[in-house]
Amino acid sequence: MQGLLKLLKKEPALPSLAAYDPVIRQIDDPDHVVIPLEYPGRVRYLPIVETGDTVRKGQVIGKSRVGNSVIASISGKVKDITTVWTAQSVHSPAIVIENDGGEPLAPEEIFDTNVRQGDLESAMDRMRSAGVAPPWTLSGREWEEEGELADLPPVNTVIITGVRQETTILTSQLLLEQQSKKVAKGLKQIAAFIPGARICLTAPEHLRSWAEPIFNDLAELVFLRDNYTARIEREVIATLIGHRIPNRESYRYHGITVLDVEYLLAMVDALDGVAALTQKCITISGTTIDKAVTVRFPLGSSLAHVLASQGLKASDFTRPVVGGPMMGFAQYSDQAPLTYNNGIYLIADDVNPFDTIAPCINCGRCARVCPVNIQVHLVNRMIEFGQLESARTLHPEACHECGLCAHVCPAERPIVQLLHFCNHDMIHGERFTWAAGGDS
């Protein structure tokens, strides 16, 4: 009955921000940080420190197979090397550092190589020493020495995202506005290192008159409306390059590299020998928060520490979500470490589904709203009943996991989760079996 009543209601509005504070607030270092070493689809690091070692902020504490680095974000003692659940719901090895208030490394201690004019190799060495993976390479997902790394095509397109997909996340927009000269410098550096590459910069539509005089000569500007469906990253990129790239494939294998404005700024700091990548910005918003705030925090800080800096507690909300309300991950613990996350969305009044996994009512809303035209309702029922071979014929791998289908579903089915599980089976051979009220 609840689902039928919801079906008759006006389609729910997508989350957005009513007001925000434009100032990026710097928060204090926590008493400890937890630095995950594995990021699915990105990189796997191997620790180069041991429990009991004393490290300094800016020091390399882990390396990938191709030499990219993970950096200590505070100074202190390595308390433990263990495994943790990350904010992306991944069980990852991690380095725990206990803050001792020690001095950070000076820039001259971090950067021991010079960047020669136009020399891509020296630039990559400089970036790697700062914890910034060069955007024109792959991070190197495996540590094992055996096996050759795949040959990569030359980079022909660089896309800088100056606006986040989730409309509740302001990090990119604020940095684009407040550090425009530095962004322009980064665009020039990319053009120098990858001559002939197409360089695109996305920005909010309402900043068009401001952005055009600054960036027009440096990049192809792409202005996006303040609407979630207009900002879905893979759809924006598909429009730019003329074809879609499946969610399970890396852009880099297609000669495309995509990086956020914040990462571009970190690249500039590394190339200029200013600082290593030890901090991250994140926007805090929610259903009962009148004005969203954006803070800058040391990588590996806990959700609890970041919220406490603004007088907030996860326990005061029904559900804290790391990311945005459409593609974020609900957190079971406020001790989850935050690293390359961009938003925290706090839900005060949550509604539980009226059925653990309610039957599809064939309304077709999910299929109509899908940006890649998947027959979502059919795929979902095939996955639910274990017919994965049949589901594959309807191309679930095209799914962006953007959450639009689940957002409009009157039966409140776990649509995105089922598609995610199906794609994991297709990629990794992992089998999942759904049972109402049970474990998967």
Protein backbone atom coordinates (compact mmCIF):
# COMPACT_ATOMS: atom_id res chain seq x y z
CA MET A 1 0.00 0.00 0.00
CA GLN A 2 2.82 2.41 0.88
CA GLY A 3 4.35 1.82 -2.54
CA LEU A 4 1.07 2.44 -4.33
CA LEU A 5 0.53 5.68 -2.41
CA LYS A 6 4.04 6.79 -3.30
CA LEU A 7 3.37 5.99 -6.93
CA LEU A 8 0.45 8.46 -6.94
CA LYS A 9 2.53 11.24 -5.43
CA LYS A 10 4.45 13.81 -7.40
CA GLU A 11 7.92 12.55 -8.38
CA PRO A 12 10.35 13.27 -5.50
CA ALA A 13 12.68 16.22 -5.92
CA LEU A 14 16.40 15.56 -6.16
CA PRO A 15 18.45 16.81 -3.17
CA SER A 16 20.04 20.25 -3.50
CA LEU A 17 21.51 23.01 -1.32
CA ALA A 18 19.46 26.00 -0.22
CA ALA A 19 22.39 27.94 1.28
CA TYR A 20 26.09 27.49 1.99
CA ASP A 21 29.06 29.18 3.61
CA PRO A 22 31.65 29.99 0.91
CA VAL A 23 34.56 29.98 3.36
CA ILE A 24 36.63 26.77 3.46
CA ARG A 25 37.36 26.18 7.14
CA GLN A 26 40.65 24.61 8.21
CA ILE A 27 40.17 22.13 11.06
CA ASP A 28 42.75 20.99 13.62
CA ASP A 29 44.77 17.82 13.31
CA PRO A 30 43.13 14.82 15.02
CA ASP A 31 44.78 12.70 17.72
CA HIS A 32 45.27 9.96 15.12
CA VAL A 33 44.70 9.21 11.45
CA VAL A 34 44.00 5.97 9.61
CA ILE A 35 45.48 5.89 6.09
CA PRO A 36 43.94 3.12 3.90
CA LEU A 37 46.32 1.46 1.45
CA GLU A 38 43.84 0.12 -1.07
CA TYR A 39 41.39 1.99 -3.28
CA PRO A 40 39.30 -0.21 -5.60
CA GLY A 41 39.81 0.73 -9.22
CA ARG A 42 42.60 3.09 -8.27
CA VAL A 43 45.66 1.81 -6.48
CA ARG A 44 47.10 -0.64 -3.98
CA TYR A 45 50.00 0.50 -1.83
CA LEU A 46 52.53 -1.51 0.16
CA PRO A 47 53.64 0.03 3.48
CA ILE A 48 57.31 1.06 3.70
CA VAL A 49 57.12 1.82 7.44
CA GLU A 50 56.70 -0.49 10.41
CA THR A 51 54.74 -0.38 13.64
CA GLY A 52 56.64 1.77 16.13
CA ASP A 53 58.29 3.99 13.52
CA THR A 54 58.13 7.74 13.96
CA VAL A 55 56.99 9.58 10.84
CA ARG A 56 56.58 13.22 9.91
CA LYS A 57 53.81 14.95 8.03
CA GLY A 58 54.67 14.86 4.34
CA GLN A 59 56.72 11.65 4.60
CA VAL A 60 56.15 8.74 2.20
CA ILE A 61 54.73 5.78 4.13
CA GLY A 62 53.58 3.52 1.28
CA LYS A 63 54.30 2.93 -2.41
CA SER A 64 52.49 1.31 -5.32
CA ARG A 65 54.02 -1.00 -7.88
CA VAL A 66 54.76 1.89 -10.24
CA GLY A 67 56.16 4.17 -7.54
CA ASN A 68 53.18 6.31 -6.60
CA SER A 69 53.15 7.23 -2.92
CA VAL A 70 50.83 7.57 0.03
CA ILE A 71 51.85 10.28 2.49
CA ALA A 72 51.63 10.72 6.27
CA SER A 73 49.08 13.47 6.92
CA ILE A 74 50.24 14.15 10.50
CA SER A 75 53.47 13.67 12.42
CA GLY A 76 53.60 10.89 15.00
CA LYS A 77 54.22 7.23 15.71
CA VAL A 78 52.94 4.36 13.58
CA LYS A 79 50.64 2.77 16.15
CA ASP A 80 49.48 -0.14 13.98
CA ILE A 81 49.32 -1.56 10.48
CA THR A 82 45.98 -3.30 10.35
CA THR A 83 42.80 -3.65 8.28
CA VAL A 84 39.83 -1.31 8.50
CA TRP A 85 36.49 -0.68 6.83
CA THR A 86 36.82 2.47 4.77
CA ALA A 87 34.13 5.05 4.11
CA GLN A 88 33.59 3.33 0.73
CA SER A 89 32.69 0.06 2.51
CA VAL A 90 35.96 -1.61 1.48
CA HIS A 91 37.99 -3.77 3.87
CA SER A 92 41.48 -2.37 3.35
CA PRO A 93 44.93 -2.61 4.92
CA ALA A 94 45.73 0.67 6.65
CA ILE A 95 48.42 2.53 8.56
CA VAL A 96 47.38 4.07 11.90
CA ILE A 97 49.44 7.10 12.99
CA GLU A 98 49.15 8.55 16.51
CA ASN A 99 49.70 12.31 16.63
CA ASP A 100 52.72 13.45 18.66
CA GLY A 101 52.63 17.11 17.62
CA GLY A 102 55.94 16.80 15.76
CA GLU A 103 57.11 19.16 13.04
CA PRO A 104 56.20 18.36 9.44
CA LEU A 105 58.81 17.83 6.75
CA ALA A 106 59.97 21.05 5.14
CA PRO A 107 59.40 21.31 1.36
CA GLU A 108 63.12 20.90 0.67
CA GLU A 109 63.03 17.59 2.58
CA ILE A 110 60.10 16.31 0.50
CA PHE A 111 61.24 17.35 -2.96
CA ASP A 112 64.73 16.05 -3.71
CA THR A 113 64.39 16.20 -7.50
CA ASN A 114 64.16 19.15 -9.84
CA VAL A 115 61.57 19.49 -12.59
CA ARG A 116 63.30 20.20 -15.87
CA GLN A 117 61.40 22.34 -18.35
CA GLY A 118 59.19 20.13 -20.51
CA ASP A 119 60.58 16.91 -18.97
CA LEU A 120 57.62 14.65 -18.23
CA GLU A 121 59.68 12.04 -16.34
CA SER A 122 61.11 14.54 -13.82
CA ALA A 123 57.63 16.01 -13.34
CA MET A 124 56.22 12.55 -12.62
CA ASP A 125 58.98 11.86 -10.08
CA ARG A 126 58.22 15.16 -8.34
CA MET A 127 54.49 14.44 -8.21
CA ARG A 128 54.95 10.89 -6.94
CA SER A 129 57.17 12.09 -4.10
CA ALA A 130 54.28 14.36 -3.04
CA GLY A 131 51.61 11.65 -3.10
CA VAL A 132 50.07 12.94 -6.34
CA ALA A 133 49.67 10.17 -8.92
CA PRO A 134 50.45 11.63 -12.36
CA PRO A 135 47.07 11.91 -14.13
CA TRP A 136 48.45 10.70 -17.46
CA THR A 137 49.43 7.30 -16.05
CA LEU A 138 47.64 4.48 -14.23
CA SER A 139 48.09 4.26 -10.49
CA GLY A 140 49.21 0.61 -10.60
CA ARG A 141 46.62 -1.59 -8.95
CA GLU A 142 48.77 -4.61 -8.18
CA TRP A 143 51.95 -4.90 -6.17
CA GLU A 144 53.15 -8.27 -7.44
CA GLU A 145 56.38 -8.05 -9.40
CA GLU A 146 55.27 -10.67 -11.92
CA GLY A 147 53.35 -9.63 -14.99
CA GLU A 148 53.70 -6.69 -17.29
CA LEU A 149 51.80 -3.48 -16.89
CA ALA A 150 49.38 -2.83 -19.72
CA ASP A 151 50.48 -0.49 -22.46
CA LEU A 152 48.50 2.73 -22.33
CA PRO A 153 47.41 4.79 -25.32
CA PRO A 154 48.63 8.40 -25.46
CA VAL A 155 46.46 10.89 -23.59
CA ASN A 156 44.32 12.77 -26.09
CA THR A 157 41.73 14.28 -23.73
CA VAL A 158 42.10 15.79 -20.24
CA ILE A 159 38.90 16.66 -18.39
CA ILE A 160 39.11 18.82 -15.25
CA THR A 161 35.95 18.71 -13.14
CA GLY A 162 35.26 22.12 -11.63
CA VAL A 163 31.84 21.03 -10.45
CA ARG A 164 30.93 17.89 -8.55
CA GLN A 165 28.27 15.45 -9.70
CA GLU A 166 26.35 15.60 -6.43
CA THR A 167 24.68 19.01 -6.09
CA THR A 168 25.24 18.94 -2.31
CA ILE A 169 29.06 18.96 -2.70
CA LEU A 170 30.77 22.33 -3.13
CA THR A 171 34.49 21.51 -2.93
CA SER A 172 35.34 21.88 -6.62
CA GLN A 173 33.22 24.97 -7.20
CA LEU A 174 34.65 26.84 -4.20
CA LEU A 175 38.24 25.99 -5.11
CA LEU A 176 37.65 26.96 -8.73
CA GLU A 177 36.36 30.38 -7.65
CA GLN A 178 38.84 31.03 -4.85
CA GLN A 179 42.01 29.72 -6.51
CA SER A 180 41.34 30.57 -10.15
CA LYS A 181 44.91 31.80 -10.82
CA LYS A 182 46.33 28.53 -9.53
CA VAL A 183 43.81 26.54 -11.60
CA ALA A 184 44.88 28.52 -14.69
CA LYS A 185 48.51 27.69 -13.91
CA GLY A 186 47.65 24.00 -13.66
CA LEU A 187 45.90 24.08 -17.04
CA LYS A 188 49.01 25.63 -18.59
CA GLN A 189 51.24 22.97 -17.01
CA ILE A 190 49.09 20.16 -18.39
CA ALA A 191 49.16 21.74 -21.85
CA ALA A 192 52.96 21.91 -21.66
CA PHE A 193 53.35 18.28 -20.61
CA ILE A 194 50.75 16.88 -23.02
CA PRO A 195 50.99 19.08 -26.11
CA GLY A 196 48.13 18.63 -28.52
CA ALA A 197 45.76 17.09 -25.95
CA ARG A 198 42.22 18.39 -25.75
CA ILE A 199 41.75 20.06 -22.34
CA CYS A 200 38.22 20.56 -20.98
CA LEU A 201 37.09 22.27 -17.79
CA THR A 202 33.60 21.84 -16.35
CA ALA A 203 32.08 24.67 -14.31
CA PRO A 204 28.66 25.65 -12.93
CA GLU A 205 26.41 27.43 -15.44
CA HIS A 206 25.91 30.39 -13.09
CA LEU A 207 29.67 31.10 -13.22
CA ARG A 208 29.77 31.41 -17.02
CA SER A 209 30.34 35.19 -17.22
CA TRP A 210 33.04 34.96 -14.54
CA ALA A 211 34.84 31.90 -15.91
CA GLU A 212 35.01 32.68 -19.62
CA PRO A 213 37.49 35.59 -19.43
CA ILE A 214 39.79 33.60 -17.12
CA PHE A 215 39.84 30.15 -18.72
CA ASN A 216 38.63 30.54 -22.32
CA ASP A 217 42.15 30.54 -23.77
CA LEU A 218 43.33 27.65 -21.58
CA ALA A 219 40.60 25.03 -21.90
CA GLU A 220 37.36 24.12 -23.61
CA LEU A 221 34.74 25.25 -21.10
CA VAL A 222 31.73 23.05 -20.38
CA PHE A 223 29.04 24.67 -18.24
CA LEU A 224 26.69 22.41 -16.29
CA ARG A 225 23.31 23.28 -14.84
CA ASP A 226 22.66 23.08 -11.11
CA ASN A 227 20.86 19.78 -11.56
CA TYR A 228 21.99 16.28 -10.68
CA THR A 229 20.89 14.66 -13.92
CA ALA A 230 22.88 17.26 -15.88
CA ARG A 231 26.02 16.56 -13.84
CA ILE A 232 26.32 12.77 -13.94
CA GLU A 233 30.02 12.49 -14.73
CA ARG A 234 29.97 9.60 -17.16
CA GLU A 235 27.16 11.20 -19.12
CA VAL A 236 29.02 14.52 -19.29
CA ILE A 237 32.14 12.73 -20.51
CA ALA A 238 30.14 10.68 -23.02
CA THR A 239 28.77 13.92 -24.46
CA LEU A 240 32.28 15.39 -24.71
CA ILE A 241 33.92 12.40 -26.40
CA GLY A 242 30.94 11.20 -28.44
CA HIS A 243 30.56 7.73 -26.90
CA ARG A 244 30.05 6.05 -23.54
CA ILE A 245 32.71 4.20 -21.58
CA PRO A 246 31.32 1.41 -19.33
CA ASN A 247 31.54 2.01 -15.60
CA ARG A 248 33.91 -0.92 -15.13
CA GLU A 249 36.49 0.41 -17.62
CA SER A 250 39.17 2.98 -16.84
CA TYR A 251 39.07 6.20 -18.81
CA ARG A 252 42.83 5.97 -19.14
CA TYR A 253 42.59 2.88 -21.37
CA HIS A 254 40.71 5.12 -23.82
CA GLY A 255 43.29 7.92 -23.87
CA ILE A 256 41.26 10.03 -21.42
CA THR A 257 42.24 11.31 -17.99
CA VAL A 258 39.76 12.91 -15.59
CA LEU A 259 40.82 14.82 -12.49
CA ASP A 260 39.11 17.14 -10.06
CA VAL A 261 40.09 20.79 -9.57
CA GLU A 262 41.31 19.93 -6.06
CA TYR A 263 43.68 17.31 -7.47
CA LEU A 264 44.85 19.77 -10.14
CA LEU A 265 45.77 22.20 -7.34
CA ALA A 266 47.69 19.42 -5.55
CA MET A 267 49.55 18.78 -8.80
CA VAL A 268 50.54 22.45 -9.01
CA ASP A 269 51.78 22.40 -5.38
CA ALA A 270 53.87 19.31 -6.14
CA LEU A 271 55.40 20.68 -9.33
CA ASP A 272 56.18 23.98 -7.60
CA GLY A 273 57.75 22.15 -4.64
CA VAL A 274 55.33 23.74 -2.18
CA ALA A 275 53.62 20.87 -0.36
CA ALA A 276 52.73 17.17 -0.46
CA LEU A 277 49.14 15.95 -0.67
CA THR A 278 48.17 15.62 3.00
CA GLN A 279 44.78 17.38 3.19
CA LYS A 280 41.36 17.21 1.58
CA CYS A 281 38.26 19.38 1.42
CA ILE A 282 34.80 18.02 2.17
CA THR A 283 31.31 19.60 2.22
CA ILE A 284 29.00 18.88 5.16
CA SER A 285 25.29 19.19 4.42
CA GLY A 286 22.08 17.46 5.40
CA THR A 287 18.33 17.44 5.65
CA THR A 288 18.25 19.69 8.74
CA ILE A 289 21.44 21.71 8.18
CA ASP A 290 20.45 25.24 7.19
CA LYS A 291 23.80 26.21 5.68
CA ALA A 292 26.29 23.74 4.21
CA VAL A 293 29.93 24.17 5.24
CA THR A 294 33.14 23.03 3.58
CA VAL A 295 36.16 22.11 5.68
CA ARG A 296 39.76 21.11 4.97
CA PHE A 297 41.05 18.17 7.02
CA PRO A 298 44.11 15.86 7.24
CA LEU A 299 43.67 12.71 5.14
CA GLY A 300 42.65 9.75 7.29
CA SER A 301 40.74 11.80 9.88
CA SER A 302 37.67 10.04 11.25
CA LEU A 303 34.13 11.02 10.38
CA ALA A 304 33.62 11.81 14.08
CA HIS A 305 36.57 14.25 14.13
CA VAL A 306 35.43 16.13 11.04
CA LEU A 307 31.86 16.44 12.32
CA ALA A 308 32.98 17.46 15.82
CA SER A 309 34.96 20.35 14.33
CA GLN A 310 31.60 21.88 13.40
CA GLY A 311 29.79 20.95 16.60
CA LEU A 312 28.05 17.93 15.06
CA LYS A 313 27.74 14.27 16.11
CA ALA A 314 26.79 11.34 13.91
CA SER A 315 24.59 9.97 16.72
CA ASP A 316 22.32 13.02 16.41
CA PHE A 317 21.31 11.89 12.92
CA THR A 318 19.53 8.81 11.70
CA ARG A 319 22.07 8.12 9.01
CA PRO A 320 25.41 9.75 8.12
CA VAL A 321 26.26 9.28 4.44
CA VAL A 322 29.78 9.82 3.12
CA GLY A 323 29.50 11.24 -0.38
CA GLY A 324 26.26 12.77 -1.62
CA PRO A 325 22.69 11.59 -1.07
CA MET A 326 22.55 9.92 -4.51
CA MET A 327 25.81 7.94 -4.65
CA GLY A 328 27.12 8.11 -1.08
CA PHE A 329 27.79 5.28 1.38
CA ALA A 330 25.83 5.08 4.64
CA GLN A 331 28.22 4.66 7.59
CA TYR A 332 27.78 2.19 10.41
CA SER A 333 30.56 3.82 12.47
CA ASP A 334 31.67 7.41 12.98
CA GLN A 335 35.26 6.13 13.13
CA ALA A 336 35.38 5.53 9.37
CA PRO A 337 38.51 7.24 7.97
CA LEU A 338 37.94 9.96 5.37
CA THR A 339 40.44 10.24 2.54
CA TYR A 340 39.42 11.06 -1.04
CA ASN A 341 35.79 11.73 -0.14
CA ASN A 342 34.10 14.98 -1.14
CA GLY A 343 30.93 15.17 0.91
CA ILE A 344 29.14 14.21 4.12
CA TYR A 345 25.34 14.15 3.96
CA LEU A 346 23.52 13.87 7.29
CA ILE A 347 19.99 12.45 7.23
CA ALA A 348 17.85 13.39 10.23
CA ASP A 349 14.53 11.73 9.35
CA ASP A 350 15.01 8.45 7.58
CA VAL A 351 12.25 6.18 6.34
CA ASN A 352 12.81 2.45 6.34
CA PRO A 353 11.50 0.50 3.36
CA PHE A 354 8.12 -1.02 4.14
CA ASP A 355 9.44 -4.37 2.92
CA THR A 356 13.00 -5.69 3.06
CA ILE A 357 12.97 -6.37 -0.66
CA ALA A 358 9.54 -5.47 -1.97
CA PRO A 359 8.30 -6.86 -5.28
CA CYS A 360 8.59 -4.73 -8.38
CA ILE A 361 5.21 -3.20 -9.34
CA ASN A 362 6.19 -2.67 -13.01
CA CYS A 363 5.61 1.08 -12.95
CA GLY A 364 8.59 1.67 -15.26
CA ARG A 365 9.86 4.76 -13.46
CA CYS A 366 13.35 3.31 -13.11
CA ALA A 367 13.68 2.62 -16.83
CA ARG A 368 12.34 6.06 -17.78
CA VAL A 369 14.79 7.92 -15.55
CA CYS A 370 17.88 5.81 -16.40
CA PRO A 371 20.44 7.99 -18.25
CA VAL A 372 21.78 4.97 -20.18
CA ASN A 373 18.36 3.44 -20.98
CA ILE A 374 18.84 0.15 -19.13
CA GLN A 375 15.68 -1.90 -18.65
CA VAL A 376 16.29 -1.59 -14.94
CA HIS A 377 13.16 -3.37 -13.70
CA LEU A 378 13.86 -6.44 -15.84
CA VAL A 379 17.56 -6.62 -14.95
CA ASN A 380 16.76 -6.26 -11.27
CA ARG A 381 14.31 -9.14 -11.16
CA MET A 382 16.71 -11.38 -13.10
CA ILE A 383 19.48 -10.62 -10.59
CA GLU A 384 17.14 -11.06 -7.65
CA PHE A 385 16.26 -14.59 -8.77
CA GLY A 386 19.80 -15.57 -9.73
CA GLN A 387 19.37 -15.38 -13.51
CA LEU A 388 22.68 -13.59 -14.02
CA GLU A 389 23.33 -14.99 -17.48
CA SER A 390 20.01 -13.54 -18.68
CA ALA A 391 20.74 -10.25 -16.91
CA ARG A 392 24.02 -9.91 -18.81
CA THR A 393 22.17 -9.73 -22.13
CA LEU A 394 20.58 -6.44 -20.99
CA HIS A 395 23.99 -4.80 -20.38
CA PRO A 396 23.99 -3.99 -16.65
CA GLU A 397 27.66 -2.99 -17.05
CA ALA A 398 26.45 0.29 -18.56
CA CYS A 399 25.07 1.30 -15.14
CA HIS A 400 26.64 4.44 -13.62
CA GLU A 401 25.25 3.55 -10.17
CA CYS A 402 23.95 7.14 -10.08
CA GLY A 403 20.98 6.20 -7.90
CA LEU A 404 18.24 7.85 -9.98
CA CYS A 405 16.35 4.57 -10.33
CA ALA A 406 16.30 3.93 -6.58
CA HIS A 407 15.35 7.55 -5.94
CA VAL A 408 12.12 7.27 -7.94
CA CYS A 409 11.22 3.65 -7.09
CA PRO A 410 7.86 3.59 -5.23
CA ALA A 411 8.57 0.07 -3.95
CA GLU A 412 11.92 1.30 -2.51
CA ARG A 413 13.79 -1.68 -3.90
CA PRO A 414 17.60 -2.03 -3.51
CA ILE A 415 18.04 -1.46 -7.24
CA VAL A 416 21.56 -0.03 -7.26
CA GLN A 417 22.86 -2.70 -4.90
CA LEU A 418 21.54 -5.51 -7.09
CA LEU A 419 23.11 -4.00 -10.21
CA HIS A 420 26.37 -3.49 -8.33
CA PHE A 421 26.41 -7.14 -7.27
CA CYS A 422 25.71 -8.28 -10.83
CA ASN A 423 28.60 -6.22 -12.18
CA HIS A 424 30.92 -7.60 -9.51
CA ASP A 425 29.99 -11.08 -10.68
CA MET A 426 30.70 -10.13 -14.28
CA ILE A 427 34.09 -8.62 -13.40
CA HIS A 428 35.36 -10.77 -10.53
CA GLY A 429 33.24 -13.92 -10.65
CA GLU A 430 31.80 -13.10 -7.24
CA ARG A 431 28.38 -14.60 -6.62
CA PHE A 432 25.82 -12.99 -4.36
CA THR A 433 22.47 -14.45 -3.33
CA TRP A 434 19.73 -12.23 -2.05
CA ALA A 435 17.43 -13.38 0.73
CA ALA A 436 14.74 -11.21 2.22
CA GLY A 437 15.84 -10.07 5.67
CA GLY A 438 19.06 -12.09 5.39
CA ASP A 439 22.67 -11.60 4.51
CA SER A 440 23.96 -11.28 0.99
